Protein backbone atom coordinates (compact mmCIF):
# COMPACT_ATOMS: atom_id res chain seq x y z
CA MET A 1 89.22 91.70 15.37
CA ASP A 2 89.44 91.37 19.17
CA THR A 3 88.96 87.87 20.49
CA LEU A 4 86.30 87.04 23.06
CA THR A 5 86.76 86.05 26.67
CA LYS A 6 85.22 82.76 27.77
CA LYS A 7 82.32 84.58 29.46
CA GLN A 8 81.68 86.81 26.43
CA LYS A 9 81.67 83.73 24.20
CA ARG A 10 79.15 81.98 26.45
CA ILE A 11 76.91 85.05 26.55
CA LEU A 12 76.97 85.39 22.76
CA GLU A 13 76.17 81.68 22.38
CA PHE A 14 73.30 82.04 24.84
CA ILE A 15 71.82 85.01 22.95
CA GLU A 16 72.04 83.03 19.70
CA LYS A 17 70.44 79.88 21.17
CA TYR A 18 67.72 81.82 23.01
CA THR A 19 66.82 83.69 19.81
CA LYS A 20 66.69 80.44 17.85
CA ASP A 21 64.55 78.66 20.47
CA ASN A 22 62.11 81.52 21.11
CA SER A 23 62.19 83.38 17.76
CA TYR A 24 63.13 86.60 19.53
CA PRO A 25 66.18 87.77 21.53
CA PRO A 26 66.48 87.66 25.33
CA THR A 27 66.34 90.65 27.65
CA LEU A 28 69.22 91.71 29.87
CA LYS A 29 67.29 90.16 32.77
CA ASP A 30 67.03 86.84 30.92
CA ILE A 31 70.81 86.81 30.39
CA ALA A 32 71.54 87.82 33.99
CA LEU A 33 69.32 85.02 35.32
CA LYS A 34 71.03 82.49 33.07
CA PHE A 35 74.52 83.36 34.32
CA GLN A 36 73.53 84.30 37.89
CA ILE A 37 75.26 87.69 37.75
CA THR A 38 74.02 91.27 37.99
CA ILE A 39 72.45 93.14 35.09
CA GLY A 40 75.22 95.73 35.44
CA THR A 41 77.88 93.07 34.86
CA ILE A 42 75.91 91.73 31.87
CA GLN A 43 75.76 95.24 30.44
CA ASP A 44 79.57 95.44 30.63
CA HIS A 45 79.88 92.18 28.68
CA ILE A 46 77.30 93.34 26.13
CA PHE A 47 79.18 96.59 25.62
CA ALA A 48 82.38 94.61 25.04
CA LEU A 49 80.62 92.39 22.47
CA GLN A 50 79.39 95.50 20.68
CA ARG A 51 82.81 97.16 20.77
CA LYS A 52 84.44 94.01 19.36
CA GLY A 53 81.92 93.88 16.50
CA TYR A 54 80.07 90.68 17.42
CA LEU A 55 76.76 92.16 18.51
CA GLU A 56 74.46 95.07 17.78
CA ARG A 57 71.93 96.40 20.23
CA LYS A 58 69.08 98.80 19.60
CA LYS A 59 69.43 101.40 22.31
CA ASP A 60 66.94 101.27 25.21
CA LYS A 61 65.06 98.30 23.73
CA ALA A 62 64.46 95.25 25.90
CA ARG A 63 65.02 92.71 23.12
CA GLY A 64 67.12 94.79 20.75
CA PHE A 65 70.00 92.34 20.24
CA LYS A 66 71.27 91.27 16.83
CA ILE A 67 74.26 88.96 16.38
CA ILE A 68 76.66 90.23 13.71
CA LYS A 69 79.43 87.62 13.93
CA THR A 70 79.74 84.10 15.29
CA THR A 71 82.04 83.34 18.21
CA ASP A 72 84.70 82.43 15.63
CA GLY A 73 84.59 85.92 14.15
CA ILE A 74 82.74 84.86 10.99
CA ASP A 75 80.02 87.12 9.64
CA LYS A 76 76.66 85.80 10.75
CA PRO A 77 74.86 84.25 7.76
CA HIS A 78 71.27 85.25 7.18
CA GLY A 79 68.79 82.53 6.30
CA VAL A 80 67.46 82.87 2.78
CA ASP A 81 63.88 82.31 3.88
CA MET A 82 63.97 84.12 7.23
CA GLY A 83 63.68 87.77 8.15
CA MET A 84 62.96 89.92 11.15
CA ILE A 85 59.72 91.70 11.95
CA PRO A 86 59.44 94.40 14.64
CA LEU A 87 58.29 93.56 18.16
CA TYR A 88 56.31 96.52 19.46
CA GLY A 89 55.83 97.47 23.08
CA LYS A 90 53.13 99.37 24.91
CA VAL A 91 51.69 102.41 23.16
CA ALA A 92 51.82 105.75 24.93
CA ALA A 93 48.70 107.93 24.74
CA GLY A 94 48.61 109.84 21.48
CA GLU A 95 51.64 108.00 20.07
CA PRO A 96 51.26 105.89 16.91
CA ILE A 97 51.82 102.20 17.61
CA PHE A 98 54.15 101.78 14.64
CA ALA A 99 56.53 104.55 15.70
CA ASN A 100 60.18 103.45 15.73
CA ASP A 101 60.43 104.41 19.40
CA ASN A 102 57.95 101.63 20.23
CA ILE A 103 60.11 98.85 18.77
CA ASN A 104 61.38 96.62 21.61
CA GLY A 105 63.24 94.16 19.40
CA TYR A 106 62.69 91.83 16.48
CA VAL A 107 61.11 88.42 15.90
CA VAL A 108 62.19 85.84 13.32
CA PHE A 109 59.60 85.33 10.59
CA GLU A 110 59.54 83.75 7.15
CA LYS A 111 60.48 86.23 4.44
CA ASN A 112 58.56 84.34 1.82
CA ALA A 113 55.34 84.35 3.84
CA ARG A 114 52.69 86.28 2.00
CA GLY A 115 52.89 89.93 2.96
CA HIS A 116 56.01 89.51 5.11
CA ASN A 117 56.51 93.27 5.16
CA ILE A 118 53.07 93.89 6.65
CA HIS A 119 53.55 91.69 9.71
CA PHE A 120 54.56 92.74 13.20
CA ALA A 121 54.68 91.25 16.71
CA LEU A 122 53.32 92.27 20.11
CA GLU A 123 54.01 90.94 23.60
CA VAL A 124 50.78 90.11 25.42
CA THR A 125 50.14 91.46 28.92
CA GLY A 126 47.35 90.25 31.19
CA GLU A 127 45.07 87.21 31.24
CA SER A 128 42.05 88.35 29.25
CA MET A 129 42.65 85.80 26.44
CA ILE A 130 43.68 82.66 28.35
CA ASP A 131 40.66 80.64 27.19
CA SER A 132 41.92 81.10 23.64
CA GLY A 133 45.34 79.80 24.71
CA ILE A 134 47.00 83.23 24.83
CA TYR A 135 48.84 83.96 28.08
CA ASP A 136 50.66 86.85 29.72
CA GLY A 137 54.14 87.11 28.18
CA ASP A 138 53.23 85.40 24.90
CA ILE A 139 54.32 86.94 21.62
CA VAL A 140 51.61 87.20 18.95
CA ILE A 141 52.43 87.56 15.25
CA VAL A 142 50.02 89.96 13.60
CA ARG A 143 49.15 90.70 9.97
CA LYS A 144 48.28 94.35 9.45
CA GLN A 145 44.68 94.76 8.30
CA GLU A 146 41.73 96.97 9.16
CA GLN A 147 38.97 94.40 8.63
CA ALA A 148 38.32 91.01 10.24
CA ASP A 149 35.60 88.38 10.48
CA ASP A 150 33.43 87.41 13.42
CA GLY A 151 35.48 85.28 15.81
CA ASP A 152 38.90 86.46 14.59
CA ILE A 153 41.43 87.37 17.27
CA VAL A 154 42.53 90.90 16.50
CA ILE A 155 44.71 93.73 17.70
CA ALA A 156 42.53 96.77 18.26
CA LEU A 157 43.28 100.31 19.33
CA LEU A 158 41.23 101.69 22.23
CA ASP A 159 42.12 105.30 23.06
CA ASP A 160 45.56 104.75 21.49
CA GLU A 161 46.17 101.59 23.54
CA ALA A 162 46.65 98.29 21.72
CA THR A 163 44.67 95.32 23.04
CA VAL A 164 44.29 91.66 22.01
CA LYS A 165 40.65 90.58 21.82
CA LYS A 166 38.20 88.44 19.86
CA LEU A 167 36.11 90.38 17.35
CA ARG A 168 32.36 89.84 17.49
CA ARG A 169 29.85 91.10 14.98
CA ASN A 170 26.06 91.14 15.24
CA ASN A 171 23.33 92.84 13.25
CA ILE A 172 23.76 96.07 15.19
CA LYS A 173 27.46 96.62 15.73
CA ALA A 174 30.87 95.05 16.24
CA TYR A 175 32.42 94.68 19.68
CA LEU A 176 35.44 93.15 21.40
CA GLU A 177 35.18 90.05 23.54
CA ALA A 178 37.68 88.68 26.04
CA SER A 179 38.41 84.95 26.29
CA ASN A 180 38.16 84.91 30.07
CA SER A 181 34.88 84.97 32.02
CA LYS A 182 36.42 87.40 34.52
CA TYR A 183 36.51 90.12 31.86
CA LYS A 184 33.52 91.88 30.37
CA ALA A 185 33.09 92.44 26.64
CA ILE A 186 33.99 95.90 25.37
CA MET A 187 30.75 97.00 23.71
CA ASN A 188 30.30 100.74 24.06
CA ARG A 189 33.68 102.15 23.16
CA PRO A 190 34.95 103.04 19.69
CA PHE A 191 37.90 100.98 18.48
CA LYS A 192 40.00 100.51 15.37
CA ILE A 193 41.27 97.15 14.11
CA ILE A 194 44.94 97.29 13.13
CA GLY A 195 45.67 93.62 12.60
CA LYS A 196 44.70 89.96 12.89
CA VAL A 197 46.62 87.50 15.08
CA ILE A 198 47.94 84.68 12.87
CA GLU A 199 50.59 83.00 15.01
CA LEU A 200 51.71 82.60 18.61
CA ARG A 201 55.19 82.36 20.09
CA ARG A 202 55.81 81.28 23.68
CA LYS A 203 58.85 81.00 25.91
CA TYR A 204 59.66 77.44 26.91
CA ASP A 205 59.72 78.33 30.62
CA LEU A 206 56.21 79.79 30.40
CA LEU A 207 54.98 76.61 28.73
CA GLN A 208 56.48 74.52 31.52
CA LYS A 209 54.73 76.60 34.19
CA GLN A 210 51.36 76.23 32.44
CA MET A 211 51.79 72.44 32.37
CA LEU A 212 52.33 72.18 36.13
């Protein structure tokens, strides 16, 4: 097997550490910022890592990296109790959310967690849930289910678009409530629950910004 250059080794080590620290792989932009070089140059290094058999990348996916071998050329061991669940991106109109084309990468999750195979992840956009501690750029871990209780934070489909909201139920009907006073509740639109948020993942740099 081809050996790695010093820069390729450092990039592979960064991808491994970033994935371990954040529970999901970095983007090309994340890597470029770390090494202060252009995305085009990073792409060249990534291609070399793929060609040499150290890295796999899901084509056209922002976080589609998977380390195959360590920097020493040893097959990457897989944790007995850990697996990968898909990280889905935005849903195009009329396109099912769980289509393979919507997978932007993978998130580490416990294999032995109940119903591991029915979990998925979504990256949050916007500030509608900040009062529940969910911020733009956060990753939410979701258990697939079509029912939820009053007050549960759910993923719901509105006109084929996935949104994170708090479910509210009264004697008349169920509706979706934001956790930010700047946003109105969604009360007069049909929606479908596709999962319940059970866990939150956050980048360390986002956490630091929120503490300032």
